[in-house]
Protein backbone atom coordinates (compact mmCIF):
# COMPACT_ATOMS: atom_id res chain seq x y z
CA MET A 1 -21.77 26.03 15.33
CA LYS A 2 -21.65 22.90 13.24
CA SER A 3 -20.11 20.93 16.11
CA HIS A 4 -20.13 21.92 19.80
CA ASN A 5 -17.65 19.20 20.68
CA PRO A 6 -15.13 18.80 17.87
CA ASP A 7 -13.02 15.70 17.44
CA LEU A 8 -10.00 17.87 16.66
CA THR A 9 -8.91 21.47 17.29
CA VAL A 10 -6.53 23.11 14.80
CA ILE A 11 -4.88 26.36 15.90
CA GLY A 12 -3.83 28.60 13.02
CA GLY A 13 -5.46 29.30 9.66
CA GLY A 14 -2.29 29.50 7.59
CA LEU A 15 -1.11 26.98 5.01
CA ALA A 16 -0.32 24.20 7.47
CA GLY A 17 -3.46 24.71 9.56
CA CYS A 18 -5.77 24.76 6.54
CA GLU A 19 -4.20 21.66 5.05
CA ALA A 20 -4.33 19.85 8.40
CA ALA A 21 -7.98 20.77 8.99
CA TRP A 22 -8.97 19.72 5.48
CA GLN A 23 -7.23 16.34 5.61
CA ALA A 24 -8.74 15.52 9.01
CA ALA A 25 -12.20 16.67 7.91
CA GLN A 26 -11.99 14.67 4.68
CA ARG A 27 -11.43 11.59 6.86
CA GLY A 28 -14.57 12.20 8.86
CA LEU A 29 -13.39 14.22 11.86
CA LYS A 30 -15.32 17.24 13.14
CA VAL A 31 -12.77 20.06 13.21
CA HIS A 32 -12.64 23.48 14.83
CA LEU A 33 -10.11 25.67 13.02
CA TYR A 34 -9.09 28.69 15.13
CA GLU A 35 -7.77 31.77 13.36
CA MET A 36 -7.30 34.95 15.40
CA ARG A 37 -7.31 37.32 12.42
CA PRO A 38 -8.90 39.80 11.93
CA ILE A 39 -9.79 40.04 15.64
CA VAL A 40 -6.06 40.03 16.51
CA THR A 41 -3.59 41.24 13.87
CA THR A 42 -0.01 40.10 13.33
CA GLY A 43 1.70 43.13 11.79
CA ALA A 44 2.58 41.14 8.67
CA HIS A 45 -0.78 39.91 7.38
CA THR A 46 -2.94 42.36 5.50
CA GLY A 47 -6.36 40.70 5.13
CA PRO A 48 -8.83 38.31 6.76
CA TYR A 49 -8.41 35.38 4.37
CA LEU A 50 -7.10 32.02 5.50
CA ALA A 51 -3.83 30.80 3.96
CA GLU A 52 -2.59 34.34 3.23
CA LEU A 53 0.85 34.40 1.61
CA VAL A 54 2.82 36.98 3.61
CA CYS A 55 6.18 37.01 1.82
CA SER A 56 6.56 35.99 -1.82
CA ASN A 57 3.73 34.83 -4.07
CA SER A 58 5.96 32.03 -5.37
CA LEU A 59 5.75 28.48 -4.04
CA GLY A 60 9.15 27.69 -5.53
CA SER A 61 10.28 25.53 -8.41
CA ASN A 62 7.69 23.44 -10.20
CA LEU A 63 10.28 21.50 -12.19
CA PRO A 64 9.90 17.75 -11.56
CA TYR A 65 13.63 17.17 -11.05
CA ARG A 66 14.11 19.94 -8.46
CA ALA A 67 13.62 19.26 -4.75
CA PRO A 68 10.68 21.70 -4.33
CA GLY A 69 9.11 20.27 -7.49
CA ILE A 70 9.33 16.73 -6.12
CA LEU A 71 7.62 17.85 -2.91
CA LYS A 72 4.79 19.34 -4.98
CA GLN A 73 4.41 16.13 -6.97
CA GLU A 74 4.14 14.14 -3.76
CA LEU A 75 1.47 16.43 -2.35
CA ARG A 76 -0.52 16.37 -5.58
CA ARG A 77 -0.55 12.57 -5.54
CA LEU A 78 -1.65 12.58 -1.91
CA GLY A 79 -4.54 14.95 -2.60
CA SER A 80 -3.34 18.19 -1.03
CA LEU A 81 -5.98 20.93 -0.91
CA LEU A 82 -3.42 23.74 -0.98
CA LEU A 83 -1.62 22.41 -4.07
CA ARG A 84 -4.95 22.07 -5.86
CA CYS A 85 -5.76 25.70 -5.02
CA ALA A 86 -2.28 26.85 -6.06
CA ASP A 87 -2.52 25.10 -9.43
CA LYS A 88 -5.96 26.64 -9.99
CA THR A 89 -4.74 30.19 -9.27
CA ALA A 90 -1.29 29.91 -10.88
CA LEU A 91 0.38 32.80 -12.70
CA PRO A 92 3.12 32.69 -15.35
CA ALA A 93 6.45 32.29 -13.52
CA GLY A 94 8.82 30.31 -15.70
CA GLY A 95 9.70 27.05 -13.98
CA ALA A 96 8.18 28.18 -10.67
CA LEU A 97 4.67 27.88 -9.25
CA ALA A 98 3.49 31.40 -8.45
CA VAL A 99 -0.08 32.37 -7.60
CA ASP A 100 -2.34 35.38 -7.43
CA ARG A 101 -2.22 35.97 -3.67
CA GLU A 102 -5.79 37.12 -3.21
CA ASP A 103 -7.35 34.54 -5.54
CA PHE A 104 -5.38 31.76 -3.86
CA ALA A 105 -6.28 32.78 -0.31
CA SER A 106 -9.93 33.48 -1.12
CA HIS A 107 -10.24 30.12 -2.89
CA VAL A 108 -8.80 28.27 0.10
CA THR A 109 -11.04 30.23 2.47
CA ARG A 110 -14.20 29.39 0.52
CA LEU A 111 -13.42 25.68 0.47
CA ILE A 112 -12.45 25.52 4.15
CA GLU A 113 -15.46 27.52 5.32
CA GLY A 114 -17.76 25.46 3.10
CA HIS A 115 -16.62 22.06 4.35
CA PRO A 116 -19.40 20.39 6.39
CA ASN A 117 -16.91 19.03 8.93
CA ILE A 118 -14.99 22.27 9.55
CA GLU A 119 -16.04 25.16 11.78
CA VAL A 120 -13.80 28.24 11.41
CA VAL A 121 -13.62 30.11 14.72
CA ARG A 122 -12.32 33.68 14.42
CA LEU A 123 -10.87 33.97 17.88
CA GLU A 124 -7.47 33.98 19.56
CA ILE A 125 -6.92 30.80 21.53
CA PRO A 126 -4.29 31.60 24.20
CA TYR A 127 -3.97 28.13 25.68
CA ILE A 128 -3.35 24.55 24.49
CA PRO A 129 -6.53 22.47 24.78
CA ALA A 130 -6.33 19.12 26.58
CA THR A 131 -8.35 17.56 23.76
CA PRO A 132 -6.79 16.37 20.44
CA THR A 133 -5.08 19.43 18.94
CA ILE A 134 -2.81 20.49 16.09
CA ILE A 135 -0.81 23.66 16.72
CA ALA A 136 -0.07 25.30 13.37
CA SER A 137 -0.01 28.87 14.61
CA GLY A 138 2.94 29.80 12.44
CA PRO A 139 5.94 32.05 12.97
CA LEU A 140 3.77 34.93 14.22
CA THR A 141 2.21 32.99 17.09
CA SER A 142 0.48 35.35 19.52
CA PRO A 143 2.36 36.20 22.74
CA ASN A 144 -0.31 34.50 24.86
CA LEU A 145 -0.16 31.20 23.00
CA SER A 146 3.64 31.45 22.84
CA LYS A 147 3.72 31.55 26.64
CA SER A 148 1.54 28.45 26.80
CA ILE A 149 3.80 26.62 24.35
CA GLN A 150 6.85 27.74 26.29
CA ALA A 151 5.33 26.41 29.51
CA LEU A 152 4.53 23.11 27.81
CA THR A 153 7.93 22.59 26.24
CA GLY A 154 10.03 23.88 29.12
CA ARG A 155 12.33 25.51 26.55
CA ASP A 156 12.80 28.97 25.18
CA HIS A 157 11.74 29.42 21.58
CA LEU A 158 14.40 29.76 18.95
CA TYR A 159 13.85 32.67 16.60
CA PHE A 160 14.98 34.38 13.45
CA PHE A 161 13.91 37.49 11.61
CA ASP A 162 12.24 37.11 8.23
CA ALA A 163 11.82 39.76 5.56
CA ILE A 164 9.45 40.44 2.66
CA SER A 165 10.06 42.11 -0.71
CA PRO A 166 8.58 45.34 -2.10
CA ILE A 167 5.73 45.30 -4.64
CA ILE A 168 5.45 47.89 -7.42
CA THR A 169 2.89 48.69 -10.09
CA CYS A 170 3.48 47.30 -13.56
CA ASP A 171 2.71 50.52 -15.41
CA SER A 172 5.40 52.39 -13.48
CA ILE A 173 8.17 50.18 -14.91
CA ASN A 174 10.14 51.69 -17.78
CA MET A 175 9.93 49.01 -20.48
CA GLU A 176 12.24 50.98 -22.75
CA VAL A 177 14.98 49.80 -20.39
CA ALA A 178 13.49 46.70 -18.79
CA TYR A 179 12.48 43.64 -20.81
CA ARG A 180 10.47 40.45 -20.46
CA ALA A 181 12.25 37.09 -20.34
CA SER A 182 12.49 33.85 -18.41
CA ARG A 183 15.84 32.22 -17.73
CA TYR A 184 16.80 30.10 -20.73
CA ASP A 185 13.31 30.82 -22.17
CA ARG A 186 11.63 28.60 -19.56
CA GLY A 187 8.28 30.30 -19.41
CA GLN A 188 4.61 30.02 -20.18
CA GLN A 189 4.44 33.33 -22.04
CA GLU A 190 6.17 33.72 -25.39
CA GLU A 191 7.83 36.99 -24.39
CA GLY A 192 8.86 35.71 -20.93
CA ASP A 193 7.27 35.48 -17.50
CA TYR A 194 9.53 37.96 -15.67
CA ILE A 195 10.31 41.63 -16.14
CA ASN A 196 14.07 42.13 -16.00
CA CYS A 197 15.95 45.32 -15.12
CA PRO A 198 19.51 45.05 -16.52
CA LEU A 199 22.55 46.65 -14.88
CA THR A 200 25.96 47.35 -16.34
CA LYS A 201 28.99 46.73 -14.14
CA ASP A 202 29.22 50.41 -13.17
CA GLU A 203 25.50 50.59 -12.42
CA TYR A 204 25.72 47.43 -10.35
CA ILE A 205 28.69 48.67 -8.29
CA SER A 206 26.95 52.00 -7.67
CA PHE A 207 23.77 50.19 -6.58
CA VAL A 208 25.65 47.89 -4.18
CA ASP A 209 27.46 50.86 -2.64
CA ASP A 210 24.14 52.67 -2.14
CA LEU A 211 22.65 49.54 -0.60
CA ARG A 212 25.56 49.11 1.81
CA ASN A 213 25.31 52.67 3.04
CA ALA A 214 21.52 52.95 3.22
CA GLU A 215 19.73 53.43 6.53
CA TYR A 216 17.91 50.42 7.93
CA ILE A 217 15.42 49.91 10.73
CA LYS A 218 17.10 48.68 13.88
CA ILE A 219 15.54 45.74 15.64
CA ARG A 220 14.70 46.62 19.21
CA GLY A 221 16.81 44.73 21.69
CA PHE A 222 19.39 43.74 19.10
CA GLU A 223 21.03 47.06 18.21
CA SER A 224 24.35 45.98 19.70
CA ASP A 225 24.41 42.50 18.17
CA MET A 226 26.86 41.61 15.44
CA LEU A 227 26.52 38.78 12.95
CA ASN A 228 29.60 37.81 10.95
CA GLY A 229 30.83 41.36 10.98
CA VAL A 230 27.60 42.76 9.59
CA LYS A 231 26.10 46.05 10.78
CA ALA A 232 24.61 46.08 14.25
CA GLY A 233 20.87 45.62 14.45
CA TYR A 234 20.70 42.42 12.41
CA ALA A 235 20.86 39.02 14.09
CA ASN A 236 19.58 35.46 13.87
CA PHE A 237 18.54 35.54 10.23
CA PHE A 238 17.52 32.41 8.37
CA GLU A 239 20.16 31.91 5.69
CA GLY A 240 17.56 31.09 3.05
CA CYS A 241 15.81 34.45 3.37
CA LEU A 242 18.50 37.05 4.06
CA PRO A 243 17.72 40.75 3.57
CA ILE A 244 19.35 42.01 0.41
CA GLU A 245 21.38 44.60 2.34
CA ILE A 246 22.87 41.77 4.43
CA LEU A 247 23.91 39.93 1.27
CA ALA A 248 25.48 43.13 -0.06
CA GLN A 249 27.64 43.34 3.07
CA ARG A 250 29.15 39.94 2.29
CA GLY A 251 31.04 41.14 -0.73
CA ARG A 252 30.62 43.36 -3.78
CA ASP A 253 29.84 40.40 -6.06
CA ALA A 254 27.52 38.59 -3.64
CA LEU A 255 24.36 39.89 -5.33
CA ALA A 256 25.66 39.28 -8.87
CA PHE A 257 26.11 35.62 -7.96
CA GLY A 258 22.89 35.55 -5.91
CA PRO A 259 19.46 37.12 -6.59
CA LEU A 260 20.85 39.41 -9.32
CA ARG A 261 22.64 36.69 -11.31
CA PRO A 262 22.12 37.35 -15.04
CA VAL A 263 22.53 33.82 -16.45
CA GLY A 264 20.02 32.86 -19.15
CA LEU A 265 18.68 36.42 -19.50
CA ILE A 266 19.93 38.01 -22.73
CA ASN A 267 18.91 41.66 -23.04
CA PRO A 268 17.02 42.08 -26.36
CA HIS A 269 17.88 45.81 -26.39
CA THR A 270 21.62 45.09 -26.54
CA ARG A 271 21.62 41.37 -27.48
CA ARG A 272 24.06 40.83 -24.63
CA ARG A 273 23.92 39.36 -21.17
CA PRO A 274 23.88 42.14 -18.55
CA TYR A 275 26.36 42.23 -15.70
CA ALA A 276 23.46 41.82 -13.26
CA VAL A 277 19.67 41.69 -13.44
CA VAL A 278 16.90 42.63 -11.02
CA GLN A 279 13.91 40.37 -11.72
CA LEU A 280 10.28 41.31 -11.13
CA ARG A 281 7.65 38.59 -10.83
CA GLN A 282 3.92 38.98 -11.53
CA ASP A 283 2.02 39.18 -8.23
CA ASN A 284 -1.65 39.23 -9.25
CA LEU A 285 -3.86 37.79 -11.97
CA ALA A 286 -4.66 41.22 -13.38
CA ASN A 287 -0.94 41.62 -14.16
CA THR A 288 -0.86 45.06 -12.53
CA LEU A 289 1.51 44.30 -9.63
CA TYR A 290 5.05 42.91 -9.57
CA ASN A 291 7.30 41.98 -6.66
CA MET A 292 11.07 42.36 -6.60
CA VAL A 293 12.51 38.85 -6.55
CA GLY A 294 15.02 38.30 -3.75
CA PHE A 295 14.65 41.84 -2.39
CA GLN A 296 13.65 41.03 1.17
CA THR A 297 14.73 44.07 3.12
CA ASN A 298 14.67 46.04 6.35
CA LEU A 299 15.70 49.38 4.86
CA LYS A 300 13.71 52.41 5.96
CA PHE A 301 10.87 53.13 3.57
CA PRO A 302 12.31 56.41 2.19
CA GLU A 303 15.62 54.60 1.64
CA GLN A 304 13.88 51.85 -0.33
CA GLN A 305 12.32 54.50 -2.55
CA ARG A 306 15.68 56.27 -3.00
CA VAL A 307 17.94 53.25 -3.56
CA PHE A 308 15.63 50.97 -5.54
CA SER A 309 14.54 53.80 -7.85
CA LYS A 310 18.16 53.95 -9.05
CA ILE A 311 17.78 50.53 -10.63
CA PRO A 312 17.51 50.95 -14.43
CA GLY A 313 13.85 50.68 -15.40
CA LEU A 314 12.59 51.55 -11.93
CA GLU A 315 13.36 55.28 -11.99
CA LYS A 316 9.66 56.12 -11.52
CA ALA A 317 8.60 52.96 -9.71
CA ASP A 318 5.36 53.24 -7.77
CA PHE A 319 5.77 51.17 -4.58
CA ILE A 320 2.45 49.92 -3.27
CA ARG A 321 4.16 47.90 -0.53
CA TYR A 322 7.63 48.41 0.87
CA GLY A 323 9.75 45.56 2.13
CA GLN A 324 9.68 44.92 5.86
CA MET A 325 10.74 42.45 8.51
CA HIS A 326 8.97 40.47 11.18
CA ARG A 327 9.95 38.04 13.88
CA ASN A 328 9.46 34.35 13.13
CA THR A 329 9.23 31.95 16.05
CA PHE A 330 9.89 28.23 16.01
CA ILE A 331 10.34 25.48 18.58
CA TYR A 332 13.23 23.09 19.07
CA SER A 333 11.52 20.25 17.21
CA PRO A 334 14.35 17.67 17.43
CA GLY A 335 13.91 17.54 21.19
CA LEU A 336 10.13 17.88 21.22
CA LEU A 337 8.50 16.04 18.32
CA LYS A 338 8.24 12.51 16.97
CA PRO A 339 8.55 11.89 13.20
CA THR A 340 4.75 11.58 13.20
CA LEU A 341 4.67 15.25 14.35
CA GLN A 342 3.24 14.20 17.71
CA PHE A 343 4.52 15.94 20.82
CA ASN A 344 6.90 13.62 22.68
CA ASN A 345 4.97 13.61 25.95
CA ARG A 346 1.43 13.78 24.59
CA ASP A 347 0.25 11.65 21.68
CA ASN A 348 -2.89 13.66 20.91
CA LEU A 349 -0.97 16.92 20.45
CA PHE A 350 0.59 17.63 17.05
CA PHE A 351 2.63 20.54 15.70
CA ALA A 352 2.87 21.57 12.04
CA GLY A 353 4.07 24.37 9.79
CA GLN A 354 6.73 27.00 10.20
CA ILE A 355 6.60 26.84 13.99
CA ILE A 356 8.37 23.43 13.83
CA GLY A 357 11.27 24.75 11.76
CA VAL A 358 10.08 23.97 8.23
CA GLU A 359 10.73 26.73 5.72
CA GLY A 360 8.82 27.42 2.52
CA TYR A 361 5.14 27.49 1.70
CA VAL A 362 5.04 23.95 0.33
CA GLY A 363 7.08 22.52 3.22
CA ASN A 364 4.58 24.05 5.64
CA THR A 365 1.73 22.59 3.63
CA ALA A 366 3.37 19.16 3.69
CA THR A 367 3.68 19.12 7.47
CA GLY A 368 0.08 20.25 7.77
CA PHE A 369 -0.92 17.32 5.58
CA VAL A 370 1.00 14.86 7.76
CA ALA A 371 -0.36 16.29 11.02
CA GLY A 372 -3.96 16.20 9.75
CA LEU A 373 -3.53 12.69 8.38
CA ASN A 374 -1.93 11.35 11.56
CA ALA A 375 -4.39 13.04 13.89
CA SER A 376 -7.24 11.42 11.99
CA ARG A 377 -5.51 8.03 12.06
CA LEU A 378 -4.89 8.28 15.80
CA LEU A 379 -8.49 9.20 16.54
CA ARG A 380 -9.81 6.43 14.30
CA GLY A 381 -7.66 3.80 15.99
CA TYR A 382 -4.88 3.50 13.42
CA THR A 383 -1.13 3.92 13.91
CA PRO A 384 0.21 7.34 12.78
CA ILE A 385 2.44 7.17 9.72
CA ILE A 386 6.14 7.95 9.44
CA PHE A 387 6.90 8.89 5.84
CA PRO A 388 10.06 7.26 4.42
CA ARG A 389 13.12 9.51 4.24
CA THR A 390 13.44 8.72 0.55
CA THR A 391 10.35 10.87 -0.02
CA MET A 392 10.80 14.61 0.18
CA ILE A 393 8.02 14.86 2.76
CA GLY A 394 9.75 12.28 4.92
CA ALA A 395 13.17 13.90 4.47
CA VAL A 396 11.94 17.33 5.59
CA ILE A 397 10.19 15.93 8.67
CA HIS A 398 13.15 13.71 9.52
CA TYR A 399 15.41 16.75 9.46
CA VAL A 400 13.28 18.87 11.79
CA THR A 401 12.83 15.99 14.24
CA HIS A 402 16.46 14.77 14.22
CA ALA A 403 18.74 17.79 13.65
CA SER A 404 21.37 18.64 16.23
CA ALA A 405 20.84 21.52 18.63
CA ALA A 406 24.10 23.15 17.53
CA ASP A 407 22.98 23.90 13.96
CA PHE A 408 19.18 23.57 13.92
CA GLN A 409 17.75 26.18 11.56
CA PRO A 410 14.56 26.26 9.47
CA MET A 411 14.98 23.98 6.46
CA LYS A 412 13.54 24.00 2.96
CA ALA A 413 13.12 20.96 0.73
CA ASN A 414 16.50 20.04 -0.74
CA PHE A 415 18.42 16.95 -1.84
CA GLY A 416 20.98 17.38 0.92
CA ILE A 417 18.54 16.09 3.55
CA MET A 418 17.62 12.98 1.56
CA PRO A 419 19.52 9.67 1.69
CA GLU A 420 22.12 9.37 -1.07
CA LEU A 421 21.32 7.38 -4.18
CA VAL A 422 22.69 3.88 -3.59
CA ASN A 423 22.38 2.21 -6.98
CA PRO A 424 25.86 2.32 -8.60
CA GLN A 425 24.34 3.36 -11.92
CA GLU A 426 22.48 6.20 -10.24
CA ARG A 427 25.53 7.35 -8.28
CA SER A 428 27.59 7.58 -11.46
CA ILE A 429 25.24 10.21 -12.92
CA ARG A 430 26.87 13.62 -12.59
CA GLY A 431 24.40 15.96 -14.23
CA LYS A 432 22.17 17.82 -11.74
CA GLN A 433 19.02 17.30 -13.78
CA GLN A 434 19.57 13.57 -14.22
CA ARG A 435 20.40 13.10 -10.55
CA GLY A 436 17.29 15.08 -9.65
CA GLU A 437 15.25 12.81 -11.89
CA MET A 438 16.65 9.77 -10.09
CA TYR A 439 15.69 11.26 -6.72
CA ALA A 440 12.21 11.97 -8.09
CA ILE A 441 11.75 8.44 -9.43
CA ARG A 442 12.80 6.92 -6.10
CA SER A 443 10.68 9.34 -4.10
CA LEU A 444 7.47 8.80 -6.03
CA HIS A 445 8.03 5.03 -6.19
CA ASP A 446 8.39 4.80 -2.41
CA LEU A 447 5.42 7.11 -1.90
CA GLU A 448 3.24 4.87 -4.08
CA ILE A 449 4.24 1.85 -1.97
CA LEU A 450 3.33 3.71 1.22
CA MET A 451 0.01 4.84 -0.21
CA LYS A 452 -0.94 1.28 -1.14
CA GLU A 453 0.20 -0.18 2.19
CA LYS A 454 -1.67 2.43 4.27
CA ASN A 455 -4.63 2.82 1.87
CA LEU A 456 -4.04 6.55 1.49
């Protein structure tokens, strides 16, 4: 043990927990970071590394005028560990920031385990310590700790079901049909960062019909539930991560205007834009694995093999991981947390990450940063910081701590949760990119002011 009596306990070695532990340790606190894996498994994680990416390997848009891109810029300026690791292990992904999963997680793990102020404890912690603590246990919080949180909050957890996409081997893709390209040629590689499987209208309709009629895995306890007229067995999904079979139920063209939209992807074999496109994104540095973008699913494994192999170019696809679903748990943050991420009735208890209702890898990282920063400020005698709503970090945290009970759902970074542009000249701008640039300018300007005022 590096410290028998830590200044701060962090529960959870995911993105938020690692970022929180690092920020607190960098500011001089002795930190115990508890991670129950591999002693206790989750059913979704596959390895022992900290900061494992369970779903996609993409951290979202890296474009400076998009909401996720602004959030990344803010975290880079603040000195985020996770963003530094993501940039170091980045893969070609057009305008997105995608990483090699294993390289990213192993890099984070080495840095966390090597920090002189951090002790990683591989043990399930089933209770909430009375000492200063950050709970960043994530959506797959263990049943024992969940009961402790439930007893503390006096409320039932909210929940939704999340899904992950299949991964296939690169050499099993038929490149005589598929082709490389990035939308509108936005890519790091000359030939394109994505592999694209084009569908004609007839092929698309046949695929959607197969998808609608395929067998799925029923969720125990919810077989009789109905959600907007969708098949029984699916309920309480987060709208931003719907299984592809659920989207298909919403209308025959739902996929063509969603994850299979073909805009900006001319097929070099035909020199035409396909009716629909299934995109595959590089998943590892060796360029041997690709995941199916937007194909989160709960179809039975044989059905995934049968239906997805009908996609042109994937006739002989070798699936090394099938899509699956898992339960994600989060608390009612608007009634429980302050904008500093402190628990309402206990100042030395913080929550961070997906358990508070933040969605997306970078959003989780951002809340971990804020929790680690504010815990260190509290313990060093300074006032915890509330980030301005005009920053993307502040907007995300304001949403999860102020949303109404009627429509509180996990939220990703987006312009809709930020205050409107007020300058008449800015408001008159109609183009999305220009408006995004105005949001970015305001966000980074206000962040710089905060950093100078608080000596961050």
